[in-house]
Amino acid sequence: MKDLEALLGERPTEVIAGRDALTAGIDKGDYLEADLVRYFYRNTIRRTELVRSASGALADRHYPPIS
């Protein structure tokens, strides 16, 4: 919620309301691309950690380094 608050400039009353405001702001072009990438990256990392234990073998699977 803190990342959403930082992006919106105020704390939304509910997550859904905040996401609706974010969607409207994206449609209007209110946000810098770098700020959106940072928000969605951090959101993805958080969600990945939440489902990590349910992911089984996929939780520790990684791509080999690019050489």
C-alpha atoms as a PDB file:
ATOM      1  CA  MET A   1       0.000   0.000   0.000  1.00  0.00           C
ATOM      2  CA  LYS A   2       2.945   2.337   0.687  1.00  0.00           C
ATOM      3  CA  ASP A   3       4.148   2.071  -2.919  1.00  0.00           C
ATOM      4  CA  LEU A   4       0.659   2.849  -4.170  1.00  0.00           C
ATOM      5  CA  GLU A   5       0.440   5.781  -1.764  1.00  0.00           C
ATOM      6  CA  ALA A   6       3.803   7.122  -2.942  1.00  0.00           C
ATOM      7  CA  LEU A   7       2.717   6.942  -6.570  1.00  0.00           C
ATOM      8  CA  LEU A   8      -0.711   8.491  -6.015  1.00  0.00           C
ATOM      9  CA  GLY A   9       0.529  11.168  -3.624  1.00  0.00           C
ATOM     10  CA  GLU A  10      -2.056  10.210  -0.991  1.00  0.00           C
ATOM     11  CA  ARG A  11      -3.117   7.097   0.864  1.00  0.00           C
ATOM     12  CA  PRO A  12      -6.159   5.483  -0.757  1.00  0.00           C
ATOM     13  CA  THR A  13      -9.001   4.396   1.509  1.00  0.00           C
ATOM     14  CA  GLU A  14      -8.891   0.883   0.015  1.00  0.00           C
ATOM     15  CA  VAL A  15      -6.510  -0.969  -2.278  1.00  0.00           C
ATOM     16  CA  ILE A  16      -9.200  -1.316  -4.965  1.00  0.00           C
ATOM     17  CA  ALA A  17      -9.894   2.425  -4.901  1.00  0.00           C
ATOM     18  CA  GLY A  18      -6.161   3.077  -5.140  1.00  0.00           C
ATOM     19  CA  ARG A  19      -5.773   0.760  -8.105  1.00  0.00           C
ATOM     20  CA  ASP A  20      -8.738   2.412  -9.809  1.00  0.00           C
ATOM     21  CA  ALA A  21      -7.092   5.813  -9.262  1.00  0.00           C
ATOM     22  CA  LEU A  22      -3.810   4.444 -10.602  1.00  0.00           C
ATOM     23  CA  THR A  23      -5.554   3.122 -13.717  1.00  0.00           C
ATOM     24  CA  ALA A  24      -7.220   6.478 -14.310  1.00  0.00           C
ATOM     25  CA  GLY A  25      -3.892   8.266 -13.849  1.00  0.00           C
ATOM     26  CA  ILE A  26      -2.161   5.930 -16.294  1.00  0.00           C
ATOM     27  CA  ASP A  27      -4.899   6.565 -18.865  1.00  0.00           C
ATOM     28  CA  LYS A  28      -4.390  10.326 -18.448  1.00  0.00           C
ATOM     29  CA  GLY A  29      -0.592  10.047 -18.615  1.00  0.00           C
ATOM     30  CA  ASP A  30      -0.077  11.400 -15.080  1.00  0.00           C
ATOM     31  CA  TYR A  31       2.916   9.204 -14.201  1.00  0.00           C
ATOM     32  CA  LEU A  32       6.483   8.878 -15.365  1.00  0.00           C
ATOM     33  CA  GLU A  33       7.274   5.564 -16.988  1.00  0.00           C
ATOM     34  CA  ALA A  34      10.149   4.950 -14.548  1.00  0.00           C
ATOM     35  CA  ASP A  35       7.802   5.401 -11.572  1.00  0.00           C
ATOM     36  CA  LEU A  36       5.318   2.921 -13.030  1.00  0.00           C
ATOM     37  CA  VAL A  37       8.029   0.366 -13.762  1.00  0.00           C
ATOM     38  CA  ARG A  38       9.291   0.697 -10.176  1.00  0.00           C
ATOM     39  CA  TYR A  39       5.770   0.304  -8.752  1.00  0.00           C
ATOM     40  CA  PHE A  40       4.873  -2.739 -10.849  1.00  0.00           C
ATOM     41  CA  TYR A  41       8.295  -4.350 -10.303  1.00  0.00           C
ATOM     42  CA  ARG A  42       7.981  -4.046  -6.515  1.00  0.00           C
ATOM     43  CA  ASN A  43       4.375  -5.288  -6.674  1.00  0.00           C
ATOM     44  CA  THR A  44       5.464  -8.331  -8.697  1.00  0.00           C
ATOM     45  CA  ILE A  45       8.281  -9.132  -6.271  1.00  0.00           C
ATOM     46  CA  ARG A  46       5.869  -8.935  -3.323  1.00  0.00           C
ATOM     47  CA  ARG A  47       3.297 -11.172  -4.988  1.00  0.00           C
ATOM     48  CA  THR A  48       5.991 -13.679  -5.977  1.00  0.00           C
ATOM     49  CA  GLU A  49       7.139 -13.933  -2.358  1.00  0.00           C
ATOM     50  CA  LEU A  50       3.552 -14.466  -1.192  1.00  0.00           C
ATOM     51  CA  VAL A  51       3.085 -17.519  -3.428  1.00  0.00           C
ATOM     52  CA  ARG A  52       6.646 -18.815  -3.083  1.00  0.00           C
ATOM     53  CA  SER A  53       5.769 -21.652  -0.687  1.00  0.00           C
ATOM     54  CA  ALA A  54       2.978 -22.846  -2.983  1.00  0.00           C
ATOM     55  CA  SER A  55       5.220 -22.813  -6.055  1.00  0.00           C
ATOM     56  CA  GLY A  56       7.105 -26.006  -5.210  1.00  0.00           C
ATOM     57  CA  ALA A  57      10.183 -26.593  -7.364  1.00  0.00           C
ATOM     58  CA  LEU A  58       9.502 -23.458  -9.406  1.00  0.00           C
ATOM     59  CA  ALA A  59      10.244 -21.260  -6.370  1.00  0.00           C
ATOM     60  CA  ASP A  60      13.993 -21.901  -6.651  1.00  0.00           C
ATOM     61  CA  ARG A  61      14.243 -22.259 -10.403  1.00  0.00           C
ATOM     62  CA  HIS A  62      16.257 -19.611 -12.218  1.00  0.00           C
ATOM     63  CA  TYR A  63      17.416 -18.949 -15.740  1.00  0.00           C
ATOM     64  CA  PRO A  64      21.121 -19.364 -16.413  1.00  0.00           C
ATOM     65  CA  PRO A  65      23.109 -16.123 -16.587  1.00  0.00           C
ATOM     66  CA  ILE A  66      23.304 -14.398 -19.962  1.00  0.00           C
ATOM     67  CA  SER A  67      26.852 -14.522 -21.261  1.00  0.00           C
END
